[in-house]
Amino acid sequence: MTIRTSRGRESWSLRFGRNAHIRIYRGMDVPPDEAVVRVAPTLMRWTLEEGVRSAPSTLRSLYEALGGVWPSGLTRLERTSHEVRLVKRLADAFESGALVALMEEQPVGSWRWPEALPEVQPAAQPRPIRAPPPRPEPQVDAAAQAKALRDAAQSGVPFCEECEKLRQSQQPQRAAA
């Protein structure tokens, strides 16, 4: 609920869609030059029916401004029937001119660009991702490795799993021959 006094006149505000508000004044407070942006009473009836759920305090305040009294201690059933009477009374007030609704458009994203934009400093350059340094290869003495393989072959000692399997498969054949 928004009650403002602007230029000596009381007003109420209802949200209408995403980017507009309906400003409501008493009929006698609206100058003729502002009458061009009036909201039609049929649209106001729909807005009031929606306002019962979304802005009940604003509608109660409007109802009380027209001389109505909001009873306390109502049951849910009584409150529903009273809300129907409230919407009817307020809709009749818009049709008779006792209340006037004016549409106020607000641009989407109601902020404005600052006059002078602050100087933008360049963002710090991210450090480049470095690949890990290559692992040093172990120092292999090729001549010593070749000599160890030849010695193992001459003595019959297996130097790999495959050679051991081959040697074991050939032993029964040699024994049979």
Protein backbone atom coordinates (compact mmCIF):
# COMPACT_ATOMS: atom_id res chain seq x y z
CA MET A 1 0.00 0.00 0.00
CA THR A 2 1.36 3.39 -0.90
CA ILE A 3 -0.36 6.50 0.31
CA ARG A 4 1.35 9.65 -0.88
CA THR A 5 0.43 13.24 -0.66
CA SER A 6 1.47 14.94 -3.86
CA ARG A 7 0.66 18.62 -4.38
CA GLY A 8 -1.78 18.42 -1.49
CA ARG A 9 -3.65 15.37 -2.77
CA GLU A 10 -3.81 11.89 -1.34
CA SER A 11 -3.06 8.96 -3.65
CA TRP A 12 -2.80 5.18 -3.64
CA SER A 13 -0.73 2.93 -5.89
CA LEU A 14 -1.51 -0.48 -7.38
CA ARG A 15 0.97 -2.43 -9.44
CA PHE A 16 -0.19 -3.14 -12.99
CA GLY A 17 1.92 -5.63 -14.91
CA ARG A 18 5.70 -5.51 -14.89
CA ASN A 19 6.42 -1.94 -15.78
CA ALA A 20 3.41 0.15 -14.80
CA HIS A 21 1.61 1.40 -11.74
CA ILE A 22 -1.88 2.72 -11.38
CA ARG A 23 -2.03 5.84 -9.25
CA ILE A 24 -5.47 6.35 -7.68
CA TYR A 25 -6.81 9.75 -6.60
CA ARG A 26 -10.11 11.03 -5.33
CA GLY A 27 -12.13 12.37 -8.27
CA MET A 28 -12.12 15.95 -6.98
CA ASP A 29 -8.28 15.96 -6.69
CA VAL A 30 -7.52 15.23 -10.35
CA PRO A 31 -7.06 18.31 -12.56
CA PRO A 32 -8.68 18.13 -16.04
CA ASP A 33 -5.28 18.14 -17.82
CA GLU A 34 -4.39 14.77 -16.23
CA ALA A 35 -7.66 13.18 -17.30
CA VAL A 36 -6.11 12.06 -20.59
CA VAL A 37 -4.29 9.13 -18.98
CA ARG A 38 -7.25 7.77 -17.03
CA VAL A 39 -7.70 4.03 -16.71
CA ALA A 40 -11.06 2.71 -17.89
CA PRO A 41 -13.46 1.61 -15.11
CA THR A 42 -13.78 -1.88 -16.66
CA LEU A 43 -10.02 -2.35 -16.46
CA MET A 44 -10.11 -1.08 -12.90
CA ARG A 45 -12.70 -3.70 -11.93
CA TRP A 46 -10.32 -6.43 -13.11
CA THR A 47 -7.39 -4.73 -11.33
CA LEU A 48 -9.42 -4.52 -8.14
CA GLU A 49 -10.30 -8.22 -8.32
CA GLU A 50 -6.58 -9.00 -8.67
CA GLY A 51 -5.74 -6.47 -5.95
CA VAL A 52 -7.83 -8.34 -3.37
CA ARG A 53 -5.12 -11.04 -3.43
CA SER A 54 -2.02 -8.97 -4.21
CA ALA A 55 -2.66 -5.67 -2.37
CA PRO A 56 -5.49 -6.10 0.14
CA SER A 57 -4.27 -3.32 2.46
CA THR A 58 -4.36 -0.76 -0.38
CA LEU A 59 -7.94 -1.71 -1.25
CA ARG A 60 -8.97 -1.54 2.41
CA SER A 61 -7.45 1.92 2.66
CA LEU A 62 -9.35 3.02 -0.47
CA TYR A 63 -12.57 1.56 0.94
CA GLU A 64 -12.08 3.41 4.22
CA ALA A 65 -11.30 6.65 2.33
CA LEU A 66 -14.75 6.36 0.72
CA GLY A 67 -16.35 6.06 4.17
CA GLY A 68 -16.52 2.27 4.40
CA VAL A 69 -15.60 0.43 7.59
CA TRP A 70 -13.55 -2.75 7.47
CA PRO A 71 -14.94 -5.08 10.14
CA SER A 72 -12.54 -7.07 12.26
CA GLY A 73 -12.85 -10.69 13.32
CA LEU A 74 -14.36 -12.00 10.09
CA THR A 75 -14.36 -15.70 9.33
CA ARG A 76 -12.93 -16.84 6.01
CA LEU A 77 -16.40 -17.13 4.48
CA GLU A 78 -17.46 -13.69 5.78
CA ARG A 79 -14.18 -12.14 4.60
CA THR A 80 -14.70 -13.52 1.07
CA SER A 81 -18.22 -12.07 0.82
CA HIS A 82 -16.99 -8.76 2.27
CA GLU A 83 -14.17 -8.62 -0.32
CA VAL A 84 -16.77 -9.05 -3.08
CA ARG A 85 -18.72 -6.08 -1.64
CA LEU A 86 -15.47 -4.09 -1.37
CA VAL A 87 -14.60 -4.69 -5.06
CA LYS A 88 -18.17 -3.75 -6.10
CA ARG A 89 -18.11 -0.55 -4.01
CA LEU A 90 -14.71 0.52 -5.37
CA ALA A 91 -15.68 -0.34 -8.98
CA ASP A 92 -18.84 1.77 -8.58
CA ALA A 93 -16.67 4.62 -7.26
CA PHE A 94 -14.48 4.45 -10.40
CA GLU A 95 -17.54 4.40 -12.68
CA SER A 96 -19.13 7.38 -10.91
CA GLY A 97 -15.89 9.38 -10.88
CA ALA A 98 -15.50 9.44 -7.08
CA LEU A 99 -12.14 7.73 -7.64
CA VAL A 100 -9.88 8.27 -10.66
CA ALA A 101 -7.10 5.96 -11.76
CA LEU A 102 -4.14 7.24 -13.78
CA MET A 103 -1.62 4.96 -15.48
CA GLU A 104 2.04 5.62 -14.69
CA GLU A 105 4.45 3.87 -17.03
CA GLN A 106 7.83 2.97 -15.62
CA PRO A 107 10.60 1.78 -17.87
CA VAL A 108 11.79 -1.75 -17.33
CA GLY A 109 14.91 -1.55 -15.23
CA SER A 110 14.11 1.76 -13.60
CA TRP A 111 17.73 2.71 -12.92
CA ARG A 112 19.59 5.24 -15.02
CA TRP A 113 23.15 5.38 -16.33
CA PRO A 114 25.38 7.59 -14.23
CA GLU A 115 26.33 10.93 -15.77
CA ALA A 116 30.02 10.19 -15.92
CA LEU A 117 31.13 6.62 -16.10
CA PRO A 118 34.02 5.83 -13.80
CA GLU A 119 37.28 5.10 -15.51
CA VAL A 120 37.54 1.40 -16.07
CA GLN A 121 40.90 -0.10 -15.34
CA PRO A 122 41.92 -3.10 -17.39
CA ALA A 123 41.50 -6.35 -15.59
CA ALA A 124 44.64 -8.04 -14.42
CA GLN A 125 45.88 -10.46 -17.02
CA PRO A 126 45.58 -14.01 -15.79
CA ARG A 127 48.84 -15.80 -15.44
CA PRO A 128 49.40 -18.24 -18.27
CA ILE A 129 49.01 -21.86 -17.41
CA ARG A 130 52.33 -23.56 -17.70
CA ALA A 131 52.75 -27.17 -18.56
CA PRO A 132 54.63 -29.08 -15.89
CA PRO A 133 58.31 -29.38 -16.70
CA PRO A 134 59.18 -32.61 -18.50
CA ARG A 135 60.45 -35.35 -16.24
CA PRO A 136 64.05 -36.10 -16.75
CA GLU A 137 64.54 -39.38 -18.52
CA PRO A 138 66.63 -41.84 -16.59
CA GLN A 139 70.16 -42.17 -17.82
CA VAL A 140 70.16 -45.42 -19.76
CA ASP A 141 73.41 -47.01 -20.78
CA ALA A 142 72.38 -48.82 -23.98
CA ALA A 143 75.63 -50.83 -24.18
CA ALA A 144 75.26 -52.13 -20.61
CA GLN A 145 71.60 -53.03 -21.25
CA ALA A 146 72.50 -54.99 -24.42
CA LYS A 147 75.28 -56.86 -22.58
CA ALA A 148 72.85 -57.83 -19.73
CA LEU A 149 70.32 -59.19 -22.25
CA ARG A 150 72.99 -61.24 -24.09
CA ASP A 151 74.35 -62.68 -20.84
CA ALA A 152 70.83 -63.64 -19.73
CA ALA A 153 70.12 -65.31 -23.07
CA GLN A 154 73.38 -67.34 -22.96
CA SER A 155 72.86 -68.50 -19.39
CA GLY A 156 69.17 -69.29 -19.97
CA VAL A 157 67.90 -66.86 -17.37
CA PRO A 158 64.63 -65.28 -18.55
CA PHE A 159 64.65 -61.52 -18.74
CA CYS A 160 60.96 -61.06 -19.47
CA GLU A 161 57.69 -62.88 -18.84
CA GLU A 162 57.19 -63.80 -22.49
CA CYS A 163 60.61 -65.37 -22.76
CA GLU A 164 59.98 -67.41 -19.61
CA LYS A 165 56.68 -68.75 -21.03
CA LEU A 166 58.41 -69.66 -24.29
CA ARG A 167 61.24 -71.44 -22.45
CA GLN A 168 58.80 -73.45 -20.29
CA SER A 169 56.76 -74.52 -23.34
CA GLN A 170 59.95 -75.72 -25.13
CA GLN A 171 61.30 -77.79 -22.20
CA PRO A 172 58.74 -80.65 -22.53
CA GLN A 173 59.45 -80.83 -26.28
CA ARG A 174 63.23 -81.07 -25.68
CA ALA A 175 62.74 -83.73 -23.03
CA ALA A 176 60.61 -85.81 -25.42
CA ALA A 177 63.18 -85.58 -28.23
